[in-house]
């Protein structure tokens, strides 16, 4: 069984994620740059995790529960959740870092020592 999804890209043109399931195995491909090098990309993780926000077409969301049922029978589900949790932590830390940098720049300007 082959299932395809058009997913959002930062460049505007959608990428295609293809998931092939059969004989107790699952293989996923994406047309993004990482996918071209057979790397696990955020688009594949998003689709296999059931994240509707990565989809270009809302109607495709109706096919996600069936895919999720297939994915739940594999180890991918555990790994994908771990990746998503770590990515969320990284995003939180990046936001903190950005705020600290902004505070440093403001403090330096107040002292007449602009950093840029």
C-alpha atoms as a PDB file:
ATOM      1  CA  UNK A   1       0.000   0.000   0.000  1.00  0.00           C
ATOM      2  CA  UNK A   2       1.344   3.419  -0.980  1.00  0.00           C
ATOM      3  CA  UNK A   3       0.020   6.632   0.571  1.00  0.00           C
ATOM      4  CA  UNK A   4       1.123  10.097  -0.593  1.00  0.00           C
ATOM      5  CA  UNK A   5       0.756  13.506   1.015  1.00  0.00           C
ATOM      6  CA  UNK A   6       1.568  17.000  -0.253  1.00  0.00           C
ATOM      7  CA  UNK A   7       3.335  18.793   2.596  1.00  0.00           C
ATOM      8  CA  UNK A   8       4.229  22.427   3.200  1.00  0.00           C
ATOM      9  CA  UNK A   9       7.681  23.766   2.407  1.00  0.00           C
ATOM     10  CA  UNK A  10       9.372  27.005   3.313  1.00  0.00           C
ATOM     11  CA  UNK A  11       9.834  27.773  -0.386  1.00  0.00           C
ATOM     12  CA  UNK A  12       6.174  27.657  -1.318  1.00  0.00           C
ATOM     13  CA  UNK A  13       6.226  24.626  -3.607  1.00  0.00           C
ATOM     14  CA  UNK A  14       4.913  21.571  -1.746  1.00  0.00           C
ATOM     15  CA  UNK A  15       7.008  18.490  -1.151  1.00  0.00           C
ATOM     16  CA  UNK A  16       5.596  15.007  -1.547  1.00  0.00           C
ATOM     17  CA  UNK A  17       5.866  12.452   1.227  1.00  0.00           C
ATOM     18  CA  UNK A  18       5.275   8.864   0.126  1.00  0.00           C
ATOM     19  CA  UNK A  19       4.748   6.078   2.638  1.00  0.00           C
ATOM     20  CA  UNK A  20       4.879   2.480   1.483  1.00  0.00           C
ATOM     21  CA  UNK A  21       3.637  -0.217   3.841  1.00  0.00           C
ATOM     22  CA  UNK A  22       3.720  -3.921   3.123  1.00  0.00           C
ATOM     23  CA  UNK A  23       5.096  -7.260   4.304  1.00  0.00           C
ATOM     24  CA  UNK A  24       5.420  -5.911   7.846  1.00  0.00           C
ATOM     25  CA  UNK A  25       7.720  -3.107   6.693  1.00  0.00           C
ATOM     26  CA  UNK A  26       7.313   0.607   6.249  1.00  0.00           C
ATOM     27  CA  UNK A  27       9.370   2.922   4.048  1.00  0.00           C
ATOM     28  CA  UNK A  28       8.908   6.670   3.707  1.00  0.00           C
ATOM     29  CA  UNK A  29      10.332   9.095   1.163  1.00  0.00           C
ATOM     30  CA  UNK A  30      10.195  12.878   0.793  1.00  0.00           C
ATOM     31  CA  UNK A  31      11.061  15.081  -2.175  1.00  0.00           C
ATOM     32  CA  UNK A  32      12.780  17.730   0.022  1.00  0.00           C
ATOM     33  CA  UNK A  33      16.580  18.140   0.034  1.00  0.00           C
ATOM     34  CA  UNK A  34      17.047  15.924   3.094  1.00  0.00           C
ATOM     35  CA  UNK A  35      14.774  13.320   1.559  1.00  0.00           C
ATOM     36  CA  UNK A  36      16.810  13.357  -1.657  1.00  0.00           C
ATOM     37  CA  UNK A  37      19.730  12.116   0.470  1.00  0.00           C
ATOM     38  CA  UNK A  38      17.508   9.450   2.095  1.00  0.00           C
ATOM     39  CA  UNK A  39      17.530  11.277   5.441  1.00  0.00           C
ATOM     40  CA  UNK A  40      14.672  11.363   7.884  1.00  0.00           C
ATOM     41  CA  UNK A  41      13.194  14.852   7.494  1.00  0.00           C
ATOM     42  CA  UNK A  42      10.669  16.879   9.451  1.00  0.00           C
ATOM     43  CA  UNK A  43       8.096  16.317   6.698  1.00  0.00           C
ATOM     44  CA  UNK A  44       8.211  12.528   7.082  1.00  0.00           C
ATOM     45  CA  UNK A  45       8.194  12.800  10.874  1.00  0.00           C
ATOM     46  CA  UNK A  46       5.210  15.162  10.686  1.00  0.00           C
ATOM     47  CA  UNK A  47       3.180  12.900   8.417  1.00  0.00           C
ATOM     48  CA  UNK A  48       3.993   9.700  10.304  1.00  0.00           C
ATOM     49  CA  UNK A  49       3.226  11.431  13.591  1.00  0.00           C
ATOM     50  CA  UNK A  50      -0.186  12.503  12.313  1.00  0.00           C
ATOM     51  CA  UNK A  51       0.575  16.236  12.401  1.00  0.00           C
ATOM     52  CA  UNK A  52      -2.104  17.889  10.250  1.00  0.00           C
ATOM     53  CA  UNK A  53      -0.253  21.222  10.272  1.00  0.00           C
ATOM     54  CA  UNK A  54       2.373  19.908   7.822  1.00  0.00           C
ATOM     55  CA  UNK A  55      -0.235  19.071   5.167  1.00  0.00           C
ATOM     56  CA  UNK A  56      -0.900  21.356   2.212  1.00  0.00           C
ATOM     57  CA  UNK A  57      -4.443  20.165   1.766  1.00  0.00           C
ATOM     58  CA  UNK A  58      -6.763  19.861   4.785  1.00  0.00           C
ATOM     59  CA  UNK A  59      -8.694  17.049   3.074  1.00  0.00           C
ATOM     60  CA  UNK A  60      -5.584  14.853   3.368  1.00  0.00           C
ATOM     61  CA  UNK A  61      -6.044  14.846   7.146  1.00  0.00           C
ATOM     62  CA  UNK A  62      -8.829  12.273   6.733  1.00  0.00           C
ATOM     63  CA  UNK A  63      -6.212   9.711   5.666  1.00  0.00           C
ATOM     64  CA  UNK A  64      -3.949  10.291   8.668  1.00  0.00           C
ATOM     65  CA  UNK A  65      -5.782   8.044  11.181  1.00  0.00           C
ATOM     66  CA  UNK A  66      -5.343   5.002   8.929  1.00  0.00           C
ATOM     67  CA  UNK A  67      -1.678   5.816   8.476  1.00  0.00           C
ATOM     68  CA  UNK A  68      -1.280   6.369  12.228  1.00  0.00           C
ATOM     69  CA  UNK A  69      -2.763   2.928  12.873  1.00  0.00           C
ATOM     70  CA  UNK A  70      -0.127   1.384  10.609  1.00  0.00           C
ATOM     71  CA  UNK A  71       2.695   3.445  12.147  1.00  0.00           C
ATOM     72  CA  UNK A  72       1.608   2.555  15.688  1.00  0.00           C
ATOM     73  CA  UNK A  73       2.611  -1.043  14.973  1.00  0.00           C
ATOM     74  CA  UNK A  74       6.229  -0.034  14.328  1.00  0.00           C
ATOM     75  CA  UNK A  75       9.131   1.313  16.411  1.00  0.00           C
ATOM     76  CA  UNK A  76       8.922   4.560  14.486  1.00  0.00           C
ATOM     77  CA  UNK A  77       6.122   5.810  16.696  1.00  0.00           C
ATOM     78  CA  UNK A  78       8.296   5.744  19.825  1.00  0.00           C
ATOM     79  CA  UNK A  79      11.243   7.402  18.099  1.00  0.00           C
ATOM     80  CA  UNK A  80       9.109  10.081  16.434  1.00  0.00           C
ATOM     81  CA  UNK A  81       7.548  11.102  19.726  1.00  0.00           C
ATOM     82  CA  UNK A  82      10.997  11.364  21.306  1.00  0.00           C
ATOM     83  CA  UNK A  83      12.218  13.520  18.427  1.00  0.00           C
ATOM     84  CA  UNK A  84       9.188  15.797  18.666  1.00  0.00           C
ATOM     85  CA  UNK A  85       9.670  16.240  22.414  1.00  0.00           C
ATOM     86  CA  UNK A  86      13.330  17.134  21.987  1.00  0.00           C
ATOM     87  CA  UNK A  87      12.576  19.546  19.135  1.00  0.00           C
ATOM     88  CA  UNK A  88      10.002  21.305  21.345  1.00  0.00           C
ATOM     89  CA  UNK A  89      12.612  21.663  24.089  1.00  0.00           C
ATOM     90  CA  UNK A  90      15.118  23.063  21.592  1.00  0.00           C
ATOM     91  CA  UNK A  91      12.587  25.613  20.343  1.00  0.00           C
ATOM     92  CA  UNK A  92      11.899  26.721  23.928  1.00  0.00           C
ATOM     93  CA  UNK A  93      15.623  27.111  24.617  1.00  0.00           C
ATOM     94  CA  UNK A  94      16.131  29.022  21.349  1.00  0.00           C
ATOM     95  CA  UNK A  95      13.401  31.468  22.378  1.00  0.00           C
ATOM     96  CA  UNK A  96      15.112  31.991  25.742  1.00  0.00           C
ATOM     97  CA  UNK A  97      18.468  32.508  24.040  1.00  0.00           C
ATOM     98  CA  UNK A  98      16.969  35.038  21.624  1.00  0.00           C
ATOM     99  CA  UNK A  99      15.436  37.005  24.511  1.00  0.00           C
ATOM    100  CA  UNK A 100      18.747  37.011  26.398  1.00  0.00           C
ATOM    101  CA  UNK A 101      20.604  38.282  23.339  1.00  0.00           C
ATOM    102  CA  UNK A 102      18.046  41.050  22.918  1.00  0.00           C
ATOM    103  CA  UNK A 103      18.467  42.022  26.590  1.00  0.00           C
ATOM    104  CA  UNK A 104      22.255  42.092  26.176  1.00  0.00           C
ATOM    105  CA  UNK A 105      22.004  44.347  23.119  1.00  0.00           C
ATOM    106  CA  UNK A 106      19.644  46.701  24.949  1.00  0.00           C
ATOM    107  CA  UNK A 107      21.909  46.846  28.017  1.00  0.00           C
ATOM    108  CA  UNK A 108      24.942  47.570  25.849  1.00  0.00           C
ATOM    109  CA  UNK A 109      23.078  50.378  24.027  1.00  0.00           C
ATOM    110  CA  UNK A 110      21.991  51.920  27.332  1.00  0.00           C
ATOM    111  CA  UNK A 111      25.661  52.052  28.331  1.00  0.00           C
ATOM    112  CA  UNK A 112      26.627  53.616  25.026  1.00  0.00           C
ATOM    113  CA  UNK A 113      28.386  50.466  23.771  1.00  0.00           C
ATOM    114  CA  UNK A 114      26.259  49.143  20.885  1.00  0.00           C
ATOM    115  CA  UNK A 115      27.205  45.604  19.839  1.00  0.00           C
ATOM    116  CA  UNK A 116      26.530  46.087  16.151  1.00  0.00           C
END
